[in-house]
Amino acid sequence: MTDQTRWGIPEVQLRNKIKKRRHDLVAAAMESVVKMDESGITDLMIQIEAEYERKYGKNKTDKVVL
């Protein structure tokens, strides 16, 4: 058994909780996707791509200095 008083154990546990939460979110989303028809999945893909671009895309306006 791992010594729970060692340095770094809370950080490892937090990382594991974050990974599990992400996995649970994806699994729940996939349950909904399985129930959708083709047009619903297509609409969802478009919305996911737009959200991804909004969060992580390279916007040219970010480089403009006013």
Protein backbone atom coordinates (compact mmCIF):
# COMPACT_ATOMS: atom_id res chain seq x y z
CA MET A 1 0.00 0.00 0.00
CA THR A 2 1.24 3.50 -0.81
CA ASP A 3 2.13 5.80 2.05
CA GLN A 4 -0.55 8.52 1.86
CA THR A 5 1.67 11.02 3.69
CA ARG A 6 4.32 11.07 0.95
CA TRP A 7 4.81 14.26 -1.01
CA GLY A 8 2.79 14.47 -4.20
CA ILE A 9 0.06 11.97 -3.32
CA PRO A 10 -2.77 14.58 -3.25
CA GLU A 11 -1.65 15.87 -6.66
CA VAL A 12 -1.70 12.37 -8.11
CA GLN A 13 -5.14 11.73 -6.65
CA LEU A 14 -6.41 15.03 -8.09
CA ARG A 15 -5.04 14.16 -11.54
CA ASN A 16 -6.72 10.76 -11.36
CA LYS A 17 -10.03 12.37 -10.37
CA ILE A 18 -9.78 14.80 -13.30
CA LYS A 19 -9.08 11.92 -15.72
CA LYS A 20 -12.03 9.94 -14.36
CA ARG A 21 -14.34 12.98 -14.62
CA ARG A 22 -13.28 13.52 -18.25
CA HIS A 23 -13.83 9.85 -19.04
CA ASP A 24 -17.28 9.94 -17.38
CA LEU A 25 -18.27 13.05 -19.38
CA VAL A 26 -17.25 11.43 -22.66
CA ALA A 27 -19.06 8.20 -21.78
CA ALA A 28 -22.25 10.10 -20.92
CA ALA A 29 -22.02 12.08 -24.16
CA MET A 30 -21.53 8.90 -26.17
CA GLU A 31 -24.67 7.41 -24.65
CA SER A 32 -26.59 10.36 -26.07
CA VAL A 33 -24.82 10.18 -29.44
CA VAL A 34 -25.78 6.53 -29.85
CA LYS A 35 -29.45 7.54 -29.60
CA MET A 36 -29.15 10.29 -32.27
CA ASP A 37 -29.82 10.01 -35.96
CA GLU A 38 -27.44 11.19 -38.68
CA SER A 39 -28.65 14.80 -38.80
CA GLY A 40 -28.40 15.14 -35.01
CA ILE A 41 -24.85 13.82 -35.00
CA THR A 42 -23.91 16.17 -37.85
CA ASP A 43 -25.32 19.16 -35.97
CA LEU A 44 -23.46 18.10 -32.84
CA MET A 45 -20.18 17.79 -34.78
CA ILE A 46 -20.60 21.32 -36.15
CA GLN A 47 -21.24 22.71 -32.67
CA ILE A 48 -18.26 20.84 -31.21
CA GLU A 49 -15.97 22.12 -33.97
CA ALA A 50 -17.17 25.70 -33.42
CA GLU A 51 -16.60 25.45 -29.66
CA TYR A 52 -13.15 23.94 -30.21
CA GLU A 53 -12.20 26.77 -32.57
CA ARG A 54 -13.51 29.34 -30.10
CA LYS A 55 -11.44 27.89 -27.25
CA TYR A 56 -8.28 26.67 -28.96
CA GLY A 57 -8.23 28.11 -32.47
CA LYS A 58 -5.67 30.63 -33.64
CA ASN A 59 -7.58 33.88 -34.05
CA LYS A 60 -5.96 36.56 -36.16
CA THR A 61 -7.60 39.23 -34.00
CA ASP A 62 -5.53 38.08 -31.00
CA LYS A 63 -2.34 39.31 -32.68
CA VAL A 64 -3.63 42.79 -33.51
CA VAL A 65 -2.24 45.61 -31.39
CA LEU A 66 -4.54 48.57 -30.98
